Structures are given as C-alpha cells and as structure tokens.
Amino acid sequence: MPRNQFQRCIFALLTVIITVHGYVFYSLYVINGSTLMSVTGESSVLSAIKTQGGVMLCGKLVPIWAIVLVEFCLAYLLEMLVGSPASFRLACKVFDMKTTHPVIFETAIICATVGIMCPVMSFIAAWLYYPYYMGFSILTLLANWVKLVCYNFPFAFFSQLFFIQPFVRTVFKALFRKDIEARAKQG
C-alpha cells in the first residue's frame, strides 16, 4: 500500500505504535499477570507492578513506559530494516502483485511479517527479560525464546491479521486519501 519511503515510515510507525502497546499489555496482563499478583499479593496487575517497583528489564526494575519505549524503538527499527522489506519480497515470490487480488496479497505480506517479526522480537525479548539475577545459561535463554514464540505467535498472527493491520490500513487510507485517489485515476 505505501508507495514511497515517507509513506512506508508512516505505515510502519502506525503499526508499531499499536503493536507494541498490545504486546506490552498481553505480556504483562495475560502471560505474567497472575504470577505478578501472586508474588506481590496484590489484587491487580498494575498494583503488583507498582508494589514490585516496575518491570524487570535487563536485570533492573523499570517503569512500564520504559518497556514501551525500548520495545517501540527496537520494533520500529526491525520493521523498517528487516520485517517490511523481507515480507514484501517473500509475498512477491509466492504471488504476482499485479494479478493477485489485493486482499490475498496483503494477507500474504501480513503472514510473512508475523513469520519474521515474531521469532526475532521474541528472541530480543528473551534477552531483555532474561532472569539475570539467577545467573546466565544459553539453554535457559533458548528455552525462554521458544516459550515466547509459542505464546506470541498465535497472538501476533490473529491480532495482526484481523485487528491491527485492517485498522492501520484504514487510518493510512484516510491520511493519504488524496495520493491514493490520484494514483487510482492514473491507472
């Protein structure tokens, strides 16, 4: 859908803003919420995080906004450098962009992006959220990575395919309506 570098940056920015907030919520509330509450004795996840003094990142407790900021920067950089270009190339290897229905082609791009970004971001998260206070083991890191991929992949696939990307595409079309209409008139 994006036709130039500026539009590509905006599209990735919209995607990453929504995705990072979704994953931080998913990770803290859905995956780790009950553990945080049981460890601290609190009745809500936010209270548990506050009581704990933040969320562990690289062996230090940091506020949630720092988690969002770190993940946003890493995800945006990765999306711009690897995810978006590689997923487009993968979709083009399977489908001809000119003859394939746009919905099918966009779905192929989304699936390829999830297939690339989920394992890579899960690997980064395995490093960021590793329990360094217990010492370091490469086997524990790899086990944590596989666990994160297993947790994150279904969430990534379904949220990107059915919620995030349709919303981002709608917002993108609204932002660049004039450019899209001008391209449509050109043929």
Protein backbone atom coordinates (compact mmCIF):
# COMPACT_ATOMS: atom_id res chain seq x y z
CA MET A 1 0.00 0.00 0.00
CA PRO A 2 2.72 2.59 0.83
CA ARG A 3 4.30 3.91 -2.38
CA ASN A 4 7.31 5.85 -1.14
CA GLN A 5 9.75 5.88 1.76
CA PHE A 6 7.82 8.52 3.73
CA GLN A 7 4.58 6.53 3.46
CA ARG A 8 6.42 3.35 4.39
CA CYS A 9 7.76 5.04 7.52
CA ILE A 10 4.29 6.27 8.50
CA PHE A 11 2.72 2.86 7.86
CA ALA A 12 5.38 1.15 9.99
CA LEU A 13 5.03 3.82 12.70
CA LEU A 14 1.26 3.27 12.95
CA THR A 15 1.71 -0.49 13.03
CA VAL A 16 4.44 -0.45 15.66
CA ILE A 17 2.67 2.04 17.94
CA ILE A 18 -0.40 -0.20 18.14
CA THR A 19 1.50 -3.48 18.18
CA VAL A 20 3.95 -2.57 20.96
CA HIS A 21 1.19 -1.36 23.26
CA GLY A 22 -0.76 -4.54 22.53
CA TYR A 23 2.21 -6.77 23.27
CA VAL A 24 3.14 -4.99 26.48
CA PHE A 25 -0.45 -5.39 27.67
CA TYR A 26 -0.53 -9.03 26.51
CA SER A 27 2.80 -9.84 28.14
CA LEU A 28 2.12 -8.12 31.46
CA TYR A 29 -1.55 -8.96 31.91
CA VAL A 30 -2.27 -12.17 30.02
CA ILE A 31 1.02 -14.07 30.26
CA ASN A 32 2.55 -12.76 33.51
CA GLY A 33 -0.36 -11.10 35.32
CA SER A 34 -1.28 -13.90 37.69
CA THR A 35 2.38 -14.51 38.56
CA LEU A 36 2.93 -10.82 39.31
CA MET A 37 -0.17 -10.71 41.52
CA SER A 38 0.71 -13.92 43.41
CA VAL A 39 4.30 -12.84 44.05
CA THR A 40 3.29 -9.42 45.39
CA GLY A 41 -0.04 -10.37 46.97
CA GLU A 42 -1.83 -7.62 45.08
CA SER A 43 -5.28 -7.96 43.51
CA SER A 44 -4.48 -6.16 40.23
CA VAL A 45 -1.59 -6.29 37.79
CA LEU A 46 -0.93 -2.54 37.93
CA SER A 47 -0.81 -2.65 41.74
CA ALA A 48 1.55 -5.63 41.56
CA ILE A 49 3.87 -3.78 39.19
CA LYS A 50 3.76 -0.69 41.41
CA THR A 51 4.46 -2.77 44.54
CA GLN A 52 7.30 -4.57 42.78
CA GLY A 53 8.78 -1.23 41.72
CA GLY A 54 8.39 -1.73 37.97
CA VAL A 55 9.06 -4.46 35.42
CA MET A 56 12.37 -6.31 35.05
CA LEU A 57 14.33 -5.18 32.01
CA CYS A 58 17.95 -6.30 31.64
CA GLY A 59 18.01 -7.23 35.32
CA LYS A 60 16.72 -3.86 36.58
CA LEU A 61 13.24 -2.72 37.55
CA VAL A 62 11.94 -0.03 35.20
CA PRO A 63 8.54 1.65 34.74
CA ILE A 64 6.10 0.37 32.12
CA TRP A 65 6.65 3.44 29.91
CA ALA A 66 10.35 2.47 29.64
CA ILE A 67 9.34 -1.01 28.45
CA VAL A 68 7.06 0.53 25.82
CA LEU A 69 9.78 2.94 24.69
CA VAL A 70 12.51 0.28 24.41
CA GLU A 71 10.24 -2.17 22.59
CA PHE A 72 8.94 0.58 20.30
CA CYS A 73 12.44 1.63 19.23
CA LEU A 74 13.57 -1.94 18.63
CA ALA A 75 10.38 -2.98 16.82
CA TYR A 76 10.34 0.12 14.58
CA LEU A 77 13.97 -0.31 13.63
CA LEU A 78 13.49 -4.00 12.94
CA GLU A 79 10.28 -3.41 10.97
CA MET A 80 11.92 -0.78 8.76
CA LEU A 81 15.16 -2.66 8.16
CA VAL A 82 14.04 -6.29 8.01
CA GLY A 83 10.34 -7.01 8.52
CA SER A 84 8.71 -4.84 5.88
CA PRO A 85 11.20 -5.34 3.03
CA ALA A 86 11.62 -9.08 3.61
CA SER A 87 7.89 -9.77 3.97
CA PHE A 88 7.15 -7.91 0.72
CA ARG A 89 9.84 -9.93 -1.10
CA LEU A 90 8.50 -13.19 0.33
CA ALA A 91 4.95 -12.34 -0.74
CA CYS A 92 6.21 -11.45 -4.23
CA LYS A 93 7.94 -14.85 -4.50
CA VAL A 94 4.63 -16.61 -3.97
CA PHE A 95 2.17 -14.20 -5.63
CA ASP A 96 2.29 -11.81 -8.58
CA MET A 97 1.30 -8.42 -7.18
CA LYS A 98 -0.34 -7.33 -10.44
CA THR A 99 -2.56 -10.39 -10.92
CA THR A 100 -3.32 -11.39 -7.33
CA HIS A 101 -6.34 -9.89 -5.57
CA PRO A 102 -5.11 -7.13 -3.20
CA VAL A 103 -6.65 -8.78 -0.12
CA ILE A 104 -4.78 -12.03 -0.81
CA PHE A 105 -1.52 -10.18 -1.45
CA GLU A 106 -1.88 -8.05 1.70
CA THR A 107 -2.68 -11.17 3.72
CA ALA A 108 0.48 -12.82 2.39
CA ILE A 109 2.51 -9.77 3.47
CA ILE A 110 0.93 -9.80 6.95
CA CYS A 111 1.62 -13.53 7.37
CA ALA A 112 5.21 -13.12 6.21
CA THR A 113 5.73 -10.16 8.53
CA VAL A 114 4.44 -12.13 11.51
CA GLY A 115 6.61 -15.08 10.50
CA ILE A 116 9.69 -12.84 10.51
CA MET A 117 8.98 -10.36 13.31
CA CYS A 118 7.57 -12.73 15.93
CA PRO A 119 10.62 -15.00 16.30
CA VAL A 120 13.06 -12.10 16.07
CA MET A 121 11.25 -9.85 18.57
CA SER A 122 10.72 -12.86 20.85
CA PHE A 123 14.48 -13.50 20.74
CA ILE A 124 15.16 -9.87 21.64
CA ALA A 125 12.60 -10.11 24.45
CA ALA A 126 14.26 -13.31 25.71
CA TRP A 127 17.44 -11.25 26.17
CA LEU A 128 15.71 -8.17 27.59
CA TYR A 129 13.57 -10.04 30.13
CA TYR A 130 16.02 -12.81 30.98
CA PRO A 131 16.19 -13.50 34.75
CA TYR A 132 19.79 -12.35 35.08
CA TYR A 133 19.59 -12.44 38.89
CA MET A 134 19.62 -16.27 38.59
CA GLY A 135 22.83 -16.33 36.53
CA PHE A 136 23.05 -16.84 32.78
CA SER A 137 22.61 -20.05 30.79
CA ILE A 138 22.34 -20.21 27.00
CA LEU A 139 19.94 -23.16 27.34
CA THR A 140 17.63 -21.11 29.58
CA LEU A 141 17.78 -18.25 27.08
CA LEU A 142 16.86 -20.58 24.20
CA ALA A 143 14.07 -22.20 26.25
CA ASN A 144 12.69 -18.76 27.12
CA TRP A 145 12.85 -17.79 23.43
CA VAL A 146 10.92 -20.86 22.32
CA LYS A 147 8.37 -20.27 25.09
CA LEU A 148 7.93 -16.65 24.00
CA VAL A 149 7.47 -17.65 20.35
CA CYS A 150 4.83 -20.18 21.40
CA TYR A 151 2.98 -17.54 23.44
CA ASN A 152 3.41 -14.67 20.99
CA PHE A 153 2.89 -16.28 17.58
CA PRO A 154 -0.85 -17.02 17.87
CA PHE A 155 -1.46 -13.58 19.37
CA ALA A 156 0.65 -11.90 16.68
CA PHE A 157 -0.97 -13.79 13.82
CA PHE A 158 -4.58 -13.22 14.79
CA SER A 159 -4.18 -9.66 16.11
CA GLN A 160 -2.24 -8.53 13.02
CA LEU A 161 -4.46 -10.30 10.51
CA PHE A 162 -7.86 -9.39 11.96
CA PHE A 163 -7.41 -6.22 14.01
CA ILE A 164 -4.17 -4.26 13.79
CA GLN A 165 -3.50 -4.32 10.03
CA PRO A 166 -7.12 -3.63 8.98
CA PHE A 167 -7.16 -0.68 11.40
CA VAL A 168 -3.74 0.60 10.25
CA ARG A 169 -4.76 0.30 6.59
CA THR A 170 -7.96 2.25 7.27
CA VAL A 171 -6.05 5.03 9.04
CA PHE A 172 -3.38 5.01 6.32
CA LYS A 173 -6.02 5.34 3.59
CA ALA A 174 -7.56 8.28 5.45
CA LEU A 175 -4.19 10.00 5.86
CA PHE A 176 -3.14 9.53 2.23
CA ARG A 177 -6.58 9.63 0.58
CA LYS A 178 -5.63 12.26 -1.99
CA ASP A 179 -2.48 10.40 -3.06
CA ILE A 180 -4.35 7.11 -3.30
CA GLU A 181 -7.15 8.69 -5.37
CA ALA A 182 -4.60 10.36 -7.68
CA ARG A 183 -2.85 7.00 -8.24
CA ALA A 184 -6.19 5.33 -8.94
CA LYS A 185 -7.02 7.94 -11.61
CA GLN A 186 -3.64 7.40 -13.29
CA GLY A 187 -4.47 3.72 -13.72
